[in-house]
Structures are given as C-alpha cells and as structure tokens.
C-alpha cells in the first residue's frame, strides 16, 4: 500500500482534538438524551467537531461553486448556546439540519487526508480563529442587558 492510501484513514488534527474535548452542555440540557445524536455528528462518518472548550459544534462545508455558499466555496458554521452557556439540544439539532441541507445543496465529499491536509488544517484554524474573534467582539449579544 502506498502512504497516500494509509493517510486518508488517519483522523484529521481537528477530529483528534474533538475526541479529547468533552461536551459542556448548557443548563437544562439532558445529556443522556442528546449524547447519541452528538456522537453521530462527531464520530467516524460525522464531520462536526467540538470546540476546545466543548461548548460548541463546528464544521466547514465545501461546495463546487460559491453560488451555493456565502464566501468562495466554503462556509464555516459553529453552533453554541450563549444563555445558558454550553451545548444544547437545539445546537445539536441545528448541526444535523445543516448536514441535511448541505447534502441537498450538493456539498462536496471530504477530501482524503494527504500532505495538502496541513494547508487545509491551517485554513480551518484561520476560519476558527476568525469565528472566535467575532464571537468575542459581539459579547453576550443574545441576552437582555441588566439595568
């Protein structure tokens, strides 16, 4: 077997990081009832990853043209609940809905992990960093301000 055949079976760095993160569910979320759906999204075959703090799900979607997405041919989505903070059943449901819609819109299959994967991983990290900065700048935008 050539190394390229082996490498596509190895998990990506983001998938490895996801397996190390433990989900941080928001208050009121029944962890036992949502864990099976969460595992389906993040386990082998699923393409979502948990953020480092475990409080959000995130994923990139790639399409053939930018007409199917917002910027270029890639869209980055992160689902989390701000109040109460953490991962909720709604976040998990919305992630599954995104997968279904992406399939209907012709999402491209994942590219095999290869030497180019480091570049893709760097791009993913850049998008993730941008999402982190945007969320930080917005603050707690979804919660009524105390008077």
Protein backbone atom coordinates (compact mmCIF):
# COMPACT_ATOMS: atom_id res chain seq x y z
CA UNK A 1 0.00 0.00 0.00
CA UNK A 2 1.21 3.49 -0.80
CA UNK A 3 1.31 6.04 2.05
CA UNK A 4 -1.49 8.07 0.43
CA UNK A 5 -3.83 5.11 0.87
CA UNK A 6 -2.96 4.90 4.53
CA UNK A 7 -3.15 8.62 5.23
CA UNK A 8 -6.78 9.00 4.18
CA UNK A 9 -7.74 6.65 7.00
CA UNK A 10 -5.97 8.69 9.66
CA UNK A 11 -8.15 11.15 11.56
CA UNK A 12 -7.53 14.84 11.00
CA UNK A 13 -6.00 17.01 13.71
CA UNK A 14 -9.36 18.66 14.34
CA UNK A 15 -11.02 15.24 14.73
CA UNK A 16 -8.32 14.22 17.25
CA UNK A 17 -8.83 17.47 19.16
CA UNK A 18 -12.57 16.86 19.12
CA UNK A 19 -12.17 13.43 20.68
CA UNK A 20 -10.19 15.00 23.53
CA UNK A 21 -12.82 17.67 24.26
CA UNK A 22 -15.71 16.70 26.48
CA UNK A 23 -19.10 18.23 25.70
CA UNK A 24 -20.09 21.05 28.04
CA UNK A 25 -23.87 21.01 27.94
CA UNK A 26 -25.91 24.07 28.80
CA UNK A 27 -28.05 24.05 31.94
CA UNK A 28 -31.33 22.27 31.31
CA UNK A 29 -29.95 20.01 28.57
CA UNK A 30 -30.47 16.30 29.23
CA UNK A 31 -27.01 14.95 28.39
CA UNK A 32 -28.19 11.33 28.26
CA UNK A 33 -30.84 12.06 25.64
CA UNK A 34 -28.67 14.22 23.34
CA UNK A 35 -25.41 12.26 23.55
CA UNK A 36 -26.37 9.67 20.87
CA UNK A 37 -27.16 12.44 18.35
CA UNK A 38 -23.96 14.27 19.30
CA UNK A 39 -21.88 11.11 18.81
CA UNK A 40 -23.44 10.61 15.35
CA UNK A 41 -22.30 14.10 14.36
CA UNK A 42 -18.77 13.83 15.77
CA UNK A 43 -17.83 10.16 15.44
CA UNK A 44 -16.40 8.40 12.40
CA UNK A 45 -18.50 9.41 9.42
CA UNK A 46 -19.71 12.58 11.15
CA UNK A 47 -17.89 15.77 10.17
CA UNK A 48 -18.60 18.04 13.14
CA UNK A 49 -16.04 18.71 15.87
CA UNK A 50 -16.37 20.03 19.38
CA UNK A 51 -14.59 23.28 20.16
CA UNK A 52 -11.67 23.11 22.60
CA UNK A 53 -13.95 24.02 25.49
CA UNK A 54 -16.63 21.52 24.40
CA UNK A 55 -19.34 24.20 24.42
CA UNK A 56 -19.93 24.32 20.65
CA UNK A 57 -20.07 22.24 17.48
CA UNK A 58 -18.32 23.48 14.34
CA UNK A 59 -17.78 22.35 10.78
CA UNK A 60 -16.78 23.55 7.33
CA UNK A 61 -18.95 22.93 4.28
CA UNK A 62 -17.45 22.96 0.78
CA UNK A 63 -19.41 23.29 -2.43
CA UNK A 64 -18.40 23.26 -6.08
CA UNK A 65 -19.17 26.96 -6.54
CA UNK A 66 -19.65 29.96 -4.33
CA UNK A 67 -23.25 30.26 -5.58
CA UNK A 68 -24.15 27.57 -3.04
CA UNK A 69 -22.43 29.27 -0.12
CA UNK A 70 -21.55 32.76 1.10
CA UNK A 71 -17.82 33.17 0.66
CA UNK A 72 -15.81 31.46 -2.06
CA UNK A 73 -16.86 27.81 -1.94
CA UNK A 74 -16.57 27.23 1.82
CA UNK A 75 -18.84 28.03 4.75
CA UNK A 76 -17.90 27.65 8.42
CA UNK A 77 -20.71 27.04 10.91
CA UNK A 78 -20.47 27.00 14.71
CA UNK A 79 -23.46 26.16 16.90
CA UNK A 80 -23.49 27.03 20.61
CA UNK A 81 -25.92 28.40 23.15
CA UNK A 82 -25.00 31.67 24.84
CA UNK A 83 -27.57 31.69 27.62
CA UNK A 84 -27.41 29.33 29.40
CA UNK A 85 -23.88 28.80 28.10
CA UNK A 86 -22.90 25.49 26.55
CA UNK A 87 -24.07 22.95 24.03
CA UNK A 88 -27.84 22.46 23.89
CA UNK A 89 -30.21 20.06 22.17
CA UNK A 90 -31.07 22.88 19.74
CA UNK A 91 -27.40 23.23 18.72
CA UNK A 92 -27.19 19.50 18.03
CA UNK A 93 -30.46 19.56 16.07
CA UNK A 94 -29.31 22.54 14.00
CA UNK A 95 -26.00 20.83 13.20
CA UNK A 96 -27.89 17.77 11.92
CA UNK A 97 -30.17 20.06 9.89
CA UNK A 98 -27.12 21.76 8.35
CA UNK A 99 -25.82 18.34 7.26
CA UNK A 100 -29.16 17.51 5.61
CA UNK A 101 -29.33 20.86 3.81
CA UNK A 102 -25.71 20.64 2.67
CA UNK A 103 -26.42 17.23 1.16
CA UNK A 104 -29.44 18.65 -0.71
CA UNK A 105 -27.33 21.56 -2.00
CA UNK A 106 -24.58 19.29 -3.32
CA UNK A 107 -21.86 19.52 -0.68
CA UNK A 108 -18.56 18.13 -1.90
CA UNK A 109 -17.33 14.95 -0.20
CA UNK A 110 -14.42 15.35 2.22
CA UNK A 111 -11.01 15.31 0.61
CA UNK A 112 -8.73 12.45 1.65
CA UNK A 113 -6.10 13.39 4.21
CA UNK A 114 -2.83 13.89 2.38
CA UNK A 115 0.22 16.18 2.55
CA UNK A 116 -2.08 19.04 1.49
CA UNK A 117 -4.10 18.41 4.66
CA UNK A 118 -1.74 20.61 6.67
CA UNK A 119 -2.67 23.55 4.44
CA UNK A 120 -6.38 22.73 4.78
CA UNK A 121 -5.97 22.42 8.55
CA UNK A 122 -4.26 25.85 8.62
CA UNK A 123 -7.18 27.35 6.67
CA UNK A 124 -9.62 25.73 9.07
CA UNK A 125 -7.69 27.15 12.03
CA UNK A 126 -7.76 30.61 10.43
CA UNK A 127 -11.53 30.42 9.97
CA UNK A 128 -11.94 29.12 13.52
CA UNK A 129 -9.81 31.99 14.84
CA UNK A 130 -11.94 34.49 12.95
CA UNK A 131 -15.09 32.95 14.46
CA UNK A 132 -13.51 33.17 17.93
CA UNK A 133 -12.71 36.87 17.45
CA UNK A 134 -16.18 37.66 16.09
CA UNK A 135 -17.89 35.88 18.99
CA UNK A 136 -15.62 37.64 21.49
CA UNK A 137 -16.26 41.06 19.97
CA UNK A 138 -20.02 40.50 19.95
CA UNK A 139 -20.02 39.58 23.61
CA UNK A 140 -23.22 38.28 25.10
CA UNK A 141 -25.38 39.70 22.34
CA UNK A 142 -28.33 37.36 22.87
CA UNK A 143 -29.07 38.16 26.49
CA UNK A 144 -31.10 41.15 27.65
CA UNK A 145 -28.85 43.67 29.37
CA UNK A 146 -29.35 44.15 33.11
CA UNK A 147 -30.47 47.64 34.06
